C-alpha atoms as a PDB file:
ATOM      1  CA  MET A   1       6.312  21.590 -25.406  1.00  0.00           C
ATOM      2  CA  GLY A   2       5.064  25.445 -24.873  1.00  0.00           C
ATOM      3  CA  TRP A   3       4.270  27.773 -21.783  1.00  0.00           C
ATOM      4  CA  ILE A   4       1.187  29.356 -21.123  1.00  0.00           C
ATOM      5  CA  GLU A   5       1.098  33.345 -21.139  1.00  0.00           C
ATOM      6  CA  THR A   6      -2.246  33.597 -19.391  1.00  0.00           C
ATOM      7  CA  PRO A   7      -2.136  34.255 -15.454  1.00  0.00           C
ATOM      8  CA  LEU A   8      -3.396  31.406 -13.509  1.00  0.00           C
ATOM      9  CA  THR A   9      -6.491  32.856 -11.948  1.00  0.00           C
ATOM     10  CA  MET A  10      -9.691  31.278 -10.210  1.00  0.00           C
ATOM     11  CA  GLN A  11     -11.293  32.109 -13.675  1.00  0.00           C
ATOM     12  CA  SER A  12      -8.550  30.651 -15.686  1.00  0.00           C
ATOM     13  CA  ALA A  13      -8.631  27.504 -13.627  1.00  0.00           C
ATOM     14  CA  PHE A  14     -11.986  26.509 -14.918  1.00  0.00           C
ATOM     15  CA  GLU A  15     -11.450  28.076 -18.348  1.00  0.00           C
ATOM     16  CA  SER A  16      -8.057  26.180 -18.808  1.00  0.00           C
ATOM     17  CA  TRP A  17      -8.398  22.633 -21.044  1.00  0.00           C
ATOM     18  CA  ARG A  18      -6.112  21.076 -23.753  1.00  0.00           C
ATOM     19  CA  TRP A  19      -6.192  18.257 -25.787  1.00  0.00           C
ATOM     20  CA  ASP A  20      -3.352  15.869 -24.715  1.00  0.00           C
ATOM     21  CA  THR A  21      -3.627  12.852 -27.051  1.00  0.00           C
ATOM     22  CA  SER A  22      -1.481  10.227 -25.095  1.00  0.00           C
ATOM     23  CA  THR A  23      -3.511  10.499 -21.785  1.00  0.00           C
ATOM     24  CA  VAL A  24      -6.959  10.668 -23.623  1.00  0.00           C
ATOM     25  CA  VAL A  25      -5.923   7.367 -25.607  1.00  0.00           C
ATOM     26  CA  LEU A  26      -4.361   5.775 -22.783  1.00  0.00           C
ATOM     27  CA  THR A  27      -7.179   6.270 -20.211  1.00  0.00           C
ATOM     28  CA  ALA A  28      -9.930   5.740 -22.646  1.00  0.00           C
ATOM     29  CA  ALA A  29      -8.507   2.280 -23.480  1.00  0.00           C
ATOM     30  CA  LEU A  30      -7.689   1.080 -19.892  1.00  0.00           C
ATOM     31  CA  GLY A  31     -11.320   1.984 -19.151  1.00  0.00           C
ATOM     32  CA  ALA A  32     -12.717   0.269 -22.058  1.00  0.00           C
ATOM     33  CA  GLY A  33     -10.890  -2.819 -21.478  1.00  0.00           C
ATOM     34  CA  TYR A  34     -11.528  -2.848 -17.863  1.00  0.00           C
ATOM     35  CA  TRP A  35     -15.470  -2.614 -18.468  1.00  0.00           C
ATOM     36  CA  ALA A  36     -15.528  -5.507 -21.006  1.00  0.00           C
ATOM     37  CA  VAL A  37     -13.485  -7.628 -18.593  1.00  0.00           C
ATOM     38  CA  ARG A  38     -15.744  -6.903 -15.929  1.00  0.00           C
ATOM     39  CA  ALA A  39     -18.650  -7.277 -17.990  1.00  0.00           C
ATOM     40  CA  ARG A  40     -17.375 -10.988 -19.112  1.00  0.00           C
ATOM     41  CA  ALA A  41     -16.455 -11.997 -15.539  1.00  0.00           C
ATOM     42  CA  LYS A  42     -19.935 -10.909 -14.144  1.00  0.00           C
ATOM     43  CA  ARG A  43     -21.536 -13.119 -17.118  1.00  0.00           C
ATOM     44  CA  ARG A  44     -19.292 -16.178 -15.815  1.00  0.00           C
ATOM     45  CA  GLY A  45     -21.095 -15.584 -12.280  1.00  0.00           C
ATOM     46  CA  ALA A  46     -18.370 -13.296 -10.726  1.00  0.00           C
ATOM     47  CA  VAL A  47     -19.311 -10.747  -8.203  1.00  0.00           C
ATOM     48  CA  ILE A  48     -17.714  -7.693  -8.858  1.00  0.00           C
ATOM     49  CA  PRO A  49     -18.589  -4.787  -6.557  1.00  0.00           C
ATOM     50  CA  GLY A  50     -18.944  -1.411  -7.860  1.00  0.00           C
ATOM     51  CA  GLY A  51     -16.528   0.004  -5.471  1.00  0.00           C
ATOM     52  CA  ARG A  52     -13.678  -1.506  -7.591  1.00  0.00           C
ATOM     53  CA  LEU A  53     -15.124  -0.007 -10.625  1.00  0.00           C
ATOM     54  CA  ALA A  54     -15.343   3.531  -9.054  1.00  0.00           C
ATOM     55  CA  ALA A  55     -11.579   3.091  -7.833  1.00  0.00           C
ATOM     56  CA  PHE A  56     -10.519   2.189 -10.850  1.00  0.00           C
ATOM     57  CA  GLY A  57     -12.633   4.875 -13.242  1.00  0.00           C
ATOM     58  CA  LEU A  58     -12.891   7.800 -11.007  1.00  0.00           C
ATOM     59  CA  MET A  59      -9.942   7.659  -8.889  1.00  0.00           C
ATOM     60  CA  GLY A  60      -7.624   6.007 -11.313  1.00  0.00           C
ATOM     61  CA  LEU A  61      -8.566   6.886 -15.055  1.00  0.00           C
ATOM     62  CA  GLY A  62     -10.321   9.979 -14.129  1.00  0.00           C
ATOM     63  CA  ILE A  63      -7.616  11.746 -12.319  1.00  0.00           C
ATOM     64  CA  TRP A  64      -5.253  10.561 -14.838  1.00  0.00           C
ATOM     65  CA  LEU A  65      -7.213  12.446 -17.222  1.00  0.00           C
ATOM     66  CA  LEU A  66      -7.759  15.178 -15.608  1.00  0.00           C
ATOM     67  CA  SER A  67      -3.786  15.618 -14.987  1.00  0.00           C
ATOM     68  CA  GLY A  68      -3.274  15.978 -18.970  1.00  0.00           C
ATOM     69  CA  ILE A  69      -5.995  17.855 -20.045  1.00  0.00           C
ATOM     70  CA  SER A  70      -6.991  20.483 -17.179  1.00  0.00           C
ATOM     71  CA  LEU A  71      -5.348  23.250 -15.394  1.00  0.00           C
ATOM     72  CA  VAL A  72      -2.778  20.636 -14.112  1.00  0.00           C
ATOM     73  CA  GLY A  73      -1.518  19.592 -17.585  1.00  0.00           C
ATOM     74  CA  VAL A  74      -1.878  23.077 -19.047  1.00  0.00           C
ATOM     75  CA  TYR A  75       0.440  24.906 -16.715  1.00  0.00           C
ATOM     76  CA  SER A  76       2.549  21.903 -16.017  1.00  0.00           C
ATOM     77  CA  ASP A  77       5.317  23.629 -18.227  1.00  0.00           C
ATOM     78  CA  THR A  78       5.098  26.790 -17.115  1.00  0.00           C
ATOM     79  CA  LEU A  79       4.871  26.605 -13.305  1.00  0.00           C
ATOM     80  CA  MET A  80       7.037  24.360 -11.306  1.00  0.00           C
ATOM     81  CA  TRP A  81       4.352  23.496  -8.547  1.00  0.00           C
ATOM     82  CA  VAL A  82       1.836  22.455 -11.051  1.00  0.00           C
ATOM     83  CA  ARG A  83       4.257  20.025 -12.317  1.00  0.00           C
ATOM     84  CA  ALA A  84       5.285  18.903  -8.769  1.00  0.00           C
ATOM     85  CA  LEU A  85       1.224  18.343  -8.312  1.00  0.00           C
ATOM     86  CA  GLN A  86       0.928  16.737 -11.517  1.00  0.00           C
ATOM     87  CA  THR A  87       3.996  14.140 -10.580  1.00  0.00           C
ATOM     88  CA  LEU A  88       2.455  13.482  -7.083  1.00  0.00           C
ATOM     89  CA  LEU A  89      -0.697  12.705  -8.582  1.00  0.00           C
ATOM     90  CA  LEU A  90       0.530  10.267 -11.335  1.00  0.00           C
ATOM     91  CA  LEU A  91       2.873   8.767  -8.948  1.00  0.00           C
ATOM     92  CA  TYR A  92       0.373   8.203  -5.899  1.00  0.00           C
ATOM     93  CA  VAL A  93      -3.116   8.813  -6.572  1.00  0.00           C
ATOM     94  CA  VAL A  94      -3.576   7.345 -10.091  1.00  0.00           C
ATOM     95  CA  PRO A  95      -1.690   4.085  -9.419  1.00  0.00           C
ATOM     96  CA  PHE A  96      -3.662   3.665  -6.076  1.00  0.00           C
ATOM     97  CA  GLY A  97      -6.918   3.964  -7.953  1.00  0.00           C
ATOM     98  CA  LEU A  98      -5.949   1.429 -10.367  1.00  0.00           C
ATOM     99  CA  ALA A  99      -4.662  -1.079  -7.889  1.00  0.00           C
ATOM    100  CA  SER A 100      -7.386  -0.774  -5.842  1.00  0.00           C
ATOM    101  CA  GLY A 101      -9.774  -1.690  -8.970  1.00  0.00           C
ATOM    102  CA  ARG A 102      -7.940  -5.121  -8.571  1.00  0.00           C
ATOM    103  CA  PRO A 103      -7.712  -5.488 -12.281  1.00  0.00           C
ATOM    104  CA  PHE A 104      -6.107  -9.023 -12.109  1.00  0.00           C
ATOM    105  CA  THR A 105      -8.614 -10.420  -9.928  1.00  0.00           C
ATOM    106  CA  VAL A 106     -11.286  -8.990 -12.192  1.00  0.00           C
ATOM    107  CA  LEU A 107      -9.382 -10.554 -15.520  1.00  0.00           C
ATOM    108  CA  ARG A 108      -8.895 -13.728 -13.730  1.00  0.00           C
ATOM    109  CA  ALA A 109     -12.774 -13.982 -13.237  1.00  0.00           C
ATOM    110  CA  ALA A 110     -12.919 -13.406 -16.743  1.00  0.00           C
ATOM    111  CA  LEU A 111     -10.972 -15.989 -18.060  1.00  0.00           C
ATOM    112  CA  GLY A 112     -11.453 -19.913 -18.520  1.00  0.00           C
ATOM    113  CA  PRO A 113      -9.447 -22.452 -16.659  1.00  0.00           C
ATOM    114  CA  VAL A 114      -6.626 -22.430 -19.517  1.00  0.00           C
ATOM    115  CA  GLY A 115      -6.629 -18.562 -19.400  1.00  0.00           C
ATOM    116  CA  GLN A 116      -6.605 -18.651 -15.700  1.00  0.00           C
ATOM    117  CA  ALA A 117      -3.748 -21.327 -15.532  1.00  0.00           C
ATOM    118  CA  ARG A 118      -1.702 -19.136 -17.804  1.00  0.00           C
ATOM    119  CA  LEU A 119      -1.992 -15.868 -16.047  1.00  0.00           C
ATOM    120  CA  ASP A 120      -1.132 -17.823 -12.684  1.00  0.00           C
ATOM    121  CA  ARG A 121       2.045 -19.071 -14.704  1.00  0.00           C
ATOM    122  CA  ILE A 122       2.756 -15.274 -15.666  1.00  0.00           C
ATOM    123  CA  LEU A 123       2.564 -14.165 -12.138  1.00  0.00           C
ATOM    124  CA  ALA A 124       4.500 -16.919 -10.800  1.00  0.00           C
ATOM    125  CA  SER A 125       7.359 -16.337 -13.206  1.00  0.00           C
ATOM    126  CA  THR A 126      10.859 -15.245 -11.970  1.00  0.00           C
ATOM    127  CA  ILE A 127      10.600 -11.708 -13.637  1.00  0.00           C
ATOM    128  CA  ALA A 128       7.296 -11.257 -11.925  1.00  0.00           C
ATOM    129  CA  ARG A 129       8.698 -12.160  -8.424  1.00  0.00           C
ATOM    130  CA  ALA A 130      11.694  -9.927  -9.191  1.00  0.00           C
ATOM    131  CA  VAL A 131       9.533  -7.081 -10.198  1.00  0.00           C
ATOM    132  CA  THR A 132       7.358  -7.078  -7.199  1.00  0.00           C
ATOM    133  CA  PHE A 133      10.136  -7.830  -4.401  1.00  0.00           C
ATOM    134  CA  PRO A 134       9.380  -5.199  -2.062  1.00  0.00           C
ATOM    135  CA  LEU A 135      12.731  -3.451  -2.491  1.00  0.00           C
ATOM    136  CA  ALA A 136      12.506  -3.084  -6.326  1.00  0.00           C
ATOM    137  CA  PRO A 137       9.453  -0.807  -6.346  1.00  0.00           C
ATOM    138  CA  SER A 138      10.229   1.143  -3.078  1.00  0.00           C
ATOM    139  CA  LEU A 139      13.616   2.138  -4.585  1.00  0.00           C
ATOM    140  CA  ALA A 140      11.942   2.983  -7.867  1.00  0.00           C
ATOM    141  CA  MET A 141       9.275   4.859  -5.962  1.00  0.00           C
ATOM    142  CA  LEU A 142      11.917   6.722  -3.794  1.00  0.00           C
ATOM    143  CA  ALA A 143      14.446   7.258  -6.981  1.00  0.00           C
ATOM    144  CA  VAL A 144      12.045   8.618  -9.416  1.00  0.00           C
ATOM    145  CA  PRO A 145      11.320  11.994  -7.750  1.00  0.00           C
ATOM    146  CA  TRP A 146      14.541  12.799  -7.017  1.00  0.00           C
ATOM    147  CA  LEU A 147      15.931  11.730 -10.548  1.00  0.00           C
ATOM    148  CA  LEU A 148      13.306  13.732 -12.046  1.00  0.00           C
ATOM    149  CA  PHE A 149      13.631  17.050 -10.448  1.00  0.00           C
ATOM    150  CA  LEU A 150      17.345  16.800  -9.585  1.00  0.00           C
ATOM    151  CA  SER A 151      18.833  15.873 -13.318  1.00  0.00           C
ATOM    152  CA  PRO A 152      18.623  16.783 -16.628  1.00  0.00           C
ATOM    153  CA  TRP A 153      15.633  14.986 -17.280  1.00  0.00           C
ATOM    154  CA  TYR A 154      13.317  17.465 -15.954  1.00  0.00           C
ATOM    155  CA  GLU A 155      14.404  20.058 -18.356  1.00  0.00           C
ATOM    156  CA  ILE A 156      14.065  17.707 -21.145  1.00  0.00           C
ATOM    157  CA  VAL A 157      10.240  16.759 -19.945  1.00  0.00           C
ATOM    158  CA  LEU A 158       9.821  20.661 -20.005  1.00  0.00           C
ATOM    159  CA  ARG A 159      11.223  21.095 -23.613  1.00  0.00           C
ATOM    160  CA  HIS A 160       9.876  17.953 -25.545  1.00  0.00           C
ATOM    161  CA  GLY A 161       6.461  16.719 -25.670  1.00  0.00           C
ATOM    162  CA  ALA A 162       7.605  12.908 -26.407  1.00  0.00           C
ATOM    163  CA  ALA A 163       9.659  12.913 -23.239  1.00  0.00           C
ATOM    164  CA  ASP A 164       6.740  14.253 -21.094  1.00  0.00           C
ATOM    165  CA  ALA A 165       4.274  12.043 -22.265  1.00  0.00           C
ATOM    166  CA  MET A 166       6.528   8.747 -21.738  1.00  0.00           C
ATOM    167  CA  THR A 167       7.725  10.259 -18.390  1.00  0.00           C
ATOM    168  CA  ARG A 168       4.133  10.393 -17.072  1.00  0.00           C
ATOM    169  CA  VAL A 169       3.392   6.794 -18.398  1.00  0.00           C
ATOM    170  CA  VAL A 170       6.374   5.751 -16.525  1.00  0.00           C
ATOM    171  CA  LEU A 171       5.314   7.361 -13.222  1.00  0.00           C
ATOM    172  CA  VAL A 172       1.932   5.553 -13.350  1.00  0.00           C
ATOM    173  CA  LEU A 173       3.600   1.936 -14.001  1.00  0.00           C
ATOM    174  CA  ILE A 174       6.109   2.710 -11.136  1.00  0.00           C
ATOM    175  CA  GLY A 175       3.497   3.477  -8.705  1.00  0.00           C
ATOM    176  CA  PHE A 176       1.108   0.720 -10.019  1.00  0.00           C
ATOM    177  CA  VAL A 177       3.845  -2.104  -9.574  1.00  0.00           C
ATOM    178  CA  TYR A 178       4.295  -0.673  -6.126  1.00  0.00           C
ATOM    179  CA  PHE A 179       0.934  -0.263  -4.909  1.00  0.00           C
ATOM    180  CA  TYR A 180      -0.226  -3.459  -6.666  1.00  0.00           C
ATOM    181  CA  SER A 181       2.685  -5.526  -4.790  1.00  0.00           C
ATOM    182  CA  ARG A 182       2.231  -3.628  -1.509  1.00  0.00           C
ATOM    183  CA  LEU A 183      -1.345  -3.772  -0.976  1.00  0.00           C
ATOM    184  CA  GLN A 184      -1.458  -7.497  -2.044  1.00  0.00           C
ATOM    185  CA  THR A 185      -5.659  -7.286  -2.794  1.00  0.00           C
ATOM    186  CA  ASP A 186      -4.823  -9.076  -6.330  1.00  0.00           C
ATOM    187  CA  PRO A 187      -3.116 -12.124  -7.023  1.00  0.00           C
ATOM    188  CA  VAL A 188       0.786 -11.586  -6.520  1.00  0.00           C
ATOM    189  CA  PRO A 189       3.670 -13.675  -7.223  1.00  0.00           C
ATOM    190  CA  HIS A 190       4.474 -13.966  -3.208  1.00  0.00           C
ATOM    191  CA  ARG A 191       2.948 -12.198  -0.429  1.00  0.00           C
ATOM    192  CA  TYR A 192       5.054 -10.503   2.148  1.00  0.00           C
ATOM    193  CA  SER A 193       4.346  -9.300   5.716  1.00  0.00           C
ATOM    194  CA  GLN A 194       2.432  -6.011   5.567  1.00  0.00           C
ATOM    195  CA  GLY A 195       4.621  -4.999   8.806  1.00  0.00           C
ATOM    196  CA  LEU A 196       7.342  -4.838   6.594  1.00  0.00           C
ATOM    197  CA  SER A 197       5.240  -2.388   4.172  1.00  0.00           C
ATOM    198  CA  LEU A 198       4.661  -0.275   7.337  1.00  0.00           C
ATOM    199  CA  LEU A 199       8.234   0.051   7.831  1.00  0.00           C
ATOM    200  CA  ILE A 200       9.044   0.789   4.373  1.00  0.00           C
ATOM    201  CA  THR A 201       6.357   3.491   4.402  1.00  0.00           C
ATOM    202  CA  ILE A 202       7.824   5.222   7.242  1.00  0.00           C
ATOM    203  CA  PHE A 203      11.026   5.460   5.539  1.00  0.00           C
ATOM    204  CA  GLU A 204       9.752   6.660   2.238  1.00  0.00           C
ATOM    205  CA  SER A 205       7.873   9.579   4.143  1.00  0.00           C
ATOM    206  CA  LEU A 206      11.315  10.531   5.394  1.00  0.00           C
ATOM    207  CA  ALA A 207      12.921  10.548   1.884  1.00  0.00           C
ATOM    208  CA  ASP A 208       9.959  12.622   0.386  1.00  0.00           C
ATOM    209  CA  GLY A 209      10.649  15.097   3.057  1.00  0.00           C
ATOM    210  CA  ILE A 210      14.254  15.395   2.490  1.00  0.00           C
ATOM    211  CA  LEU A 211      13.648  15.993  -1.249  1.00  0.00           C
ATOM    212  CA  GLY A 212      11.422  18.943  -0.419  1.00  0.00           C
ATOM    213  CA  ILE A 213      14.160  20.160   1.985  1.00  0.00           C
ATOM    214  CA  VAL A 214      16.679  19.840  -0.722  1.00  0.00           C
ATOM    215  CA  LEU A 215      14.247  21.886  -3.543  1.00  0.00           C
ATOM    216  CA  TRP A 216      13.544  24.642  -0.807  1.00  0.00           C
ATOM    217  CA  TRP A 217      16.922  25.490  -0.059  1.00  0.00           C
ATOM    218  CA  GLY A 218      18.801  24.316  -3.102  1.00  0.00           C
ATOM    219  CA  PRO A 219      19.435  25.858  -6.490  1.00  0.00           C
ATOM    220  CA  LEU A 220      17.206  26.714  -8.775  1.00  0.00           C
ATOM    221  CA  VAL A 221      16.238  23.812 -11.000  1.00  0.00           C
ATOM    222  CA  ALA A 222      15.944  24.307 -15.079  1.00  0.00           C
ATOM    223  CA  LEU A 223      16.943  27.839 -14.693  1.00  0.00           C
ATOM    224  CA  ASP A 224      17.615  28.301 -18.251  1.00  0.00           C
ATOM    225  CA  TYR A 225      14.139  27.021 -19.282  1.00  0.00           C
ATOM    226  CA  TYR A 226      12.278  29.035 -16.805  1.00  0.00           C
ATOM    227  CA  THR A 227      14.058  32.291 -17.488  1.00  0.00           C
ATOM    228  CA  GLU A 228      13.251  31.446 -21.383  1.00  0.00           C
ATOM    229  CA  VAL A 229       9.653  31.530 -20.156  1.00  0.00           C
ATOM    230  CA  GLY A 230       9.751  34.792 -19.071  1.00  0.00           C
ATOM    231  CA  ARG A 231       6.955  34.929 -16.898  1.00  0.00           C
ATOM    232  CA  THR A 232       5.620  38.280 -15.795  1.00  0.00           C
ATOM    233  CA  TRP A 233       2.944  36.844 -13.314  1.00  0.00           C
ATOM    234  CA  GLY A 234       2.491  34.917 -10.459  1.00  0.00           C
ATOM    235  CA  PRO A 235       5.301  33.828  -8.056  1.00  0.00           C
ATOM    236  CA  ASP A 236       8.885  34.412  -8.664  1.00  0.00           C
ATOM    237  CA  LEU A 237      11.312  31.488  -9.776  1.00  0.00           C
ATOM    238  CA  ARG A 238      12.463  30.947  -5.990  1.00  0.00           C
ATOM    239  CA  MET A 239       9.109  31.104  -4.410  1.00  0.00           C
ATOM    240  CA  ASP A 240       7.864  28.751  -7.461  1.00  0.00           C
ATOM    241  CA  GLN A 241      10.047  26.478  -6.330  1.00  0.00           C
ATOM    242  CA  THR A 242       9.718  26.679  -2.632  1.00  0.00           C
ATOM    243  CA  VAL A 243       5.969  25.835  -3.284  1.00  0.00           C
ATOM    244  CA  ALA A 244       6.839  23.039  -5.371  1.00  0.00           C
ATOM    245  CA  ALA A 245       9.176  21.777  -2.644  1.00  0.00           C
ATOM    246  CA  GLY A 246       6.150  22.071   0.128  1.00  0.00           C
ATOM    247  CA  ILE A 247       3.638  20.283  -2.237  1.00  0.00           C
ATOM    248  CA  ILE A 248       6.074  17.203  -2.533  1.00  0.00           C
ATOM    249  CA  TRP A 249       6.880  17.191   0.971  1.00  0.00           C
ATOM    250  CA  VAL A 250       3.536  18.073   2.711  1.00  0.00           C
ATOM    251  CA  LEU A 251       0.919  16.967   0.046  1.00  0.00           C
ATOM    252  CA  GLY A 252       2.809  13.896  -0.404  1.00  0.00           C
ATOM    253  CA  ASP A 253       2.425  12.629   2.982  1.00  0.00           C
ATOM    254  CA  VAL A 254      -1.529  13.652   2.815  1.00  0.00           C
ATOM    255  CA  LEU A 255      -2.095  11.848  -0.439  1.00  0.00           C
ATOM    256  CA  GLY A 256      -0.484   8.561   1.209  1.00  0.00           C
ATOM    257  CA  LEU A 257      -2.807   8.723   3.923  1.00  0.00           C
ATOM    258  CA  PRO A 258      -5.584   6.339   2.107  1.00  0.00           C
ATOM    259  CA  TYR A 259      -2.878   4.086   1.189  1.00  0.00           C
ATOM    260  CA  LEU A 260      -1.464   4.094   4.678  1.00  0.00           C
ATOM    261  CA  LEU A 261      -5.142   3.325   6.471  1.00  0.00           C
ATOM    262  CA  ALA A 262      -5.157   0.522   3.587  1.00  0.00           C
ATOM    263  CA  LEU A 263      -1.993  -0.852   4.610  1.00  0.00           C
ATOM    264  CA  MET A 264      -2.890  -1.010   8.147  1.00  0.00           C
ATOM    265  CA  ARG A 265      -6.319  -2.577   7.860  1.00  0.00           C
ATOM    266  CA  ALA A 266      -4.405  -5.220   5.692  1.00  0.00           C
ATOM    267  CA  TRP A 267      -1.738  -5.902   8.263  1.00  0.00           C
ATOM    268  CA  ALA A 268      -4.832  -6.369  10.994  1.00  0.00           C
ATOM    269  CA  SER A 269      -6.340  -8.745   8.799  1.00  0.00           C
ATOM    270  CA  ASP A 270      -3.013 -10.764   8.442  1.00  0.00           C
ATOM    271  CA  GLU A 271      -2.747 -10.671  11.983  1.00  0.00           C
ATOM    272  CA  ARG A 272      -6.116 -12.239  12.673  1.00  0.00           C
ATOM    273  CA  ARG A 273      -5.583 -14.656  10.183  1.00  0.00           C
ATOM    274  CA  ARG A 274      -2.292 -15.623  11.427  1.00  0.00           C
ATOM    275  CA  ALA A 275      -4.078 -16.059  15.102  1.00  0.00           C
ATOM    276  CA  ALA A 276      -6.795 -18.259  13.618  1.00  0.00           C
ATOM    277  CA  GLU A 277      -4.231 -20.330  11.765  1.00  0.00           C
ATOM    278  CA  VAL A 278      -2.205 -20.548  15.200  1.00  0.00           C
ATOM    279  CA  ASP A 279      -5.370 -21.756  17.081  1.00  0.00           C
ATOM    280  CA  ALA A 280      -6.244 -24.255  14.419  1.00  0.00           C
ATOM    281  CA  GLU A 281      -2.632 -25.825  14.606  1.00  0.00           C
ATOM    282  CA  LEU A 282      -3.121 -26.095  18.504  1.00  0.00           C
ATOM    283  CA  ASP A 283      -6.452 -27.650  18.389  1.00  0.00           C
ATOM    284  CA  ALA A 284      -5.146 -30.100  15.743  1.00  0.00           C
ATOM    285  CA  GLU A 285      -2.171 -31.227  17.950  1.00  0.00           C
ATOM    286  CA  ASP A 286      -4.532 -31.719  21.013  1.00  0.00           C
ATOM    287  CA  ALA A 287      -6.727 -33.618  19.141  1.00  0.00           C
ATOM    288  CA  ALA A 288      -4.060 -35.927  18.103  1.00  0.00           C
ATOM    289  CA  ALA A 289      -2.599 -36.360  21.258  1.00  0.00           C
ATOM    290  CA  PRO A 290      -3.008 -39.605  23.197  1.00  0.00           C
ATOM    291  CA  PRO A 291      -5.952 -40.048  25.170  1.00  0.00           C
ATOM    292  CA  ALA A 292      -4.141 -40.314  28.658  1.00  0.00           C
ATOM    293  CA  ARG A 293      -2.195 -37.052  27.896  1.00  0.00           C
ATOM    294  CA  ARG A 294      -5.663 -35.520  27.028  1.00  0.00           C
ATOM    295  CA  GLN A 295      -7.458 -36.956  30.237  1.00  0.00           C
ATOM    296  CA  LYS A 296      -4.286 -35.516  32.195  1.00  0.00           C
ATOM    297  CA  PHE A 297      -4.625 -32.045  30.854  1.00  0.00           C
ATOM    298  CA  SER A 298      -8.599 -32.321  31.077  1.00  0.00           C
ATOM    299  CA  ARG A 299      -8.013 -33.215  34.928  1.00  0.00           C
ATOM    300  CA  ALA A 300      -5.329 -30.457  35.391  1.00  0.00           C
ATOM    301  CA  SER A 301      -7.718 -27.691  33.944  1.00  0.00           C
ATOM    302  CA  ASP A 302     -10.842 -28.960  35.906  1.00  0.00           C
ATOM    303  CA  THR A 303      -9.052 -28.784  39.268  1.00  0.00           C
ATOM    304  CA  SER A 304      -8.097 -25.405  39.265  1.00  0.00           C
ATOM    305  CA  ASP A 305      -9.255 -25.005  42.732  1.00  0.00           C
ATOM    306  CA  GLY A 306      -6.191 -26.649  44.210  1.00  0.00           C
ATOM    307  CA  SER A 307      -8.285 -30.180  44.663  1.00  0.00           C
ATOM    308  CA  GLY A 308      -6.428 -31.795  41.745  1.00  0.00           C
ATOM    309  CA  ILE A 309      -3.153 -31.623  43.535  1.00  0.00           C
ATOM    310  CA  ALA A 310      -4.226 -33.829  46.288  1.00  0.00           C
ATOM    311  CA  ASP A 311      -6.059 -36.084  43.849  1.00  0.00           C
ATOM    312  CA  ALA A 312      -2.499 -36.433  41.808  1.00  0.00           C
ATOM    313  CA  ALA A 313      -0.911 -36.994  45.105  1.00  0.00           C
ATOM    314  CA  VAL A 314      -2.846 -39.888  46.046  1.00  0.00           C
ATOM    315  CA  ALA A 315      -2.816 -41.502  42.500  1.00  0.00           C
ATOM    316  CA  ALA A 316       0.896 -41.288  42.687  1.00  0.00           C
ATOM    317  CA  GLY A 317       0.950 -43.007  46.217  1.00  0.00           C
ATOM    318  CA  ALA A 318       1.727 -40.004  47.972  1.00  0.00           C
ATOM    319  CA  ALA A 319       0.653 -39.304  51.573  1.00  0.00           C
ATOM    320  CA  PRO A 320      -2.396 -36.981  51.321  1.00  0.00           C
ATOM    321  CA  VAL A 321      -1.879 -33.809  52.704  1.00  0.00           C
ATOM    322  CA  GLN A 322      -3.253 -33.139  56.283  1.00  0.00           C
ATOM    323  CA  SER A 323      -5.842 -30.353  57.265  1.00  0.00           C
ATOM    324  CA  GLY A 324      -5.756 -28.067  60.474  1.00  0.00           C
ATOM    325  CA  LEU A 325      -2.841 -26.590  62.162  1.00  0.00           C
ATOM    326  CA  TRP A 326       0.896 -26.971  61.836  1.00  0.00           C
ATOM    327  CA  TRP A 327       1.333 -28.589  65.253  1.00  0.00           C
ATOM    328  CA  GLU A 328      -1.687 -31.198  64.773  1.00  0.00           C
ATOM    329  CA  ASN A 329       0.666 -33.028  62.313  1.00  0.00           C
ATOM    330  CA  ASP A 330       3.349 -33.663  64.844  1.00  0.00           C
ATOM    331  CA  PRO A 331       2.376 -37.241  66.608  1.00  0.00           C
ATOM    332  CA  GLN A 332       4.273 -35.934  69.935  1.00  0.00           C
ATOM    333  CA  LEU A 333       2.745 -32.311  70.068  1.00  0.00           C
ATOM    334  CA  ARG A 334      -0.838 -34.193  69.351  1.00  0.00           C
ATOM    335  CA  GLN A 335      -0.572 -36.797  72.097  1.00  0.00           C
ATOM    336  CA  ARG A 336       0.257 -33.699  74.701  1.00  0.00           C
ATOM    337  CA  PHE A 337      -2.441 -31.342  73.438  1.00  0.00           C
ATOM    338  CA  GLY A 338      -4.945 -34.598  73.253  1.00  0.00           C
ATOM    339  CA  ARG A 339      -5.687 -34.078  69.791  1.00  0.00           C
END
C-alpha cells in the first residue's frame, strides 16, 4: 500500500479519488445480482417495496463503494482516524444497509417451489444455525475491532493491499451475519427474542467504549509504519490515534442508533404478537370449556354488583342474606322492639 503526501483539506477531500478494484467489482456484482433477482421476483407477482432497494443500494453498496474510492479509501493508509472511520462504516453501516434490503426474502420470492425448498433447507442446516446463534456473531463483532487495532494484523493491512482488501470484505461479512441474524426481518434458521438482542447491544456499546479508552491512553499503534510515512501535515501520531479512539467510541454508538431503533421496533412488534397469541389461546380454552362452566363464569361476570352472591347462595340451598339493621336479625330483639 502507499500513503498520501497531499494534506487533507476541504478541497482535497472533494478531489481525492482512487480506483479500488476489489470494492468496485464486489459492489457492482452485488448490485447487479440484487437488481436481477428483484426484477424476477416482481415478474412472479411479489411486491418488493422500493425502500428495500434503497437500503441495499444506497446505504449498503453506495457507502461500501465510497469507503474504497473516496477520501476514506485514499487516506486510510495515511491517517489512523480515517482508517477507524472506514472500519466503522464497513462493520456497522454497510452491513446494516445490506441486511435491511432483505436479500433472502427477495431471493426466495424470485425462486420457484424447488428453489425455495432448497433455500429453506440451507437456512435450516446445522451450519446456518451455528453461524447465526446470537453468541457467535456478537463475539465476532466485538472481537474484530480489538484484534484489528491491537495486534500485528493492523500493520499487515496497512502494508499489503491484498490483506487490506480481504480484511474489508471480512468486516462486511461479519457485520452482515450480525445484523441479518439480529434484525430477523429475513428468513432465519431460528428466531430469538429481541429482548435478548437489546441486552447484547447494551453490552456491545460498553465494549466499544473500552476499546476507545485503550487506544486513547495506550501506546501508539503501528508506530514503525506511521514513522516511515513521515507525515509532516495534520495531527501528530498521538493526536491522530486519540481522534481515532474518539471515532470508535462516540461515532460507533451514533452509527448504531438506527439499528437500536429498528431493534426496539422489532421487540415491540414481537410483544404485540405474543399478546395476541396468548389472547387467542385463552379464547380457545374458553370455547372448549364445558357449557356449565361457561354459564357459571358468565353468571359471575354479569353479577359484579353483588347480587350474584345472593343468587349463588339460594342456588346452593343456603339462607338468603337479610337486609336491615343488625339487631333486626336477632329473634328476641326483634320481638322486644316490635319488629
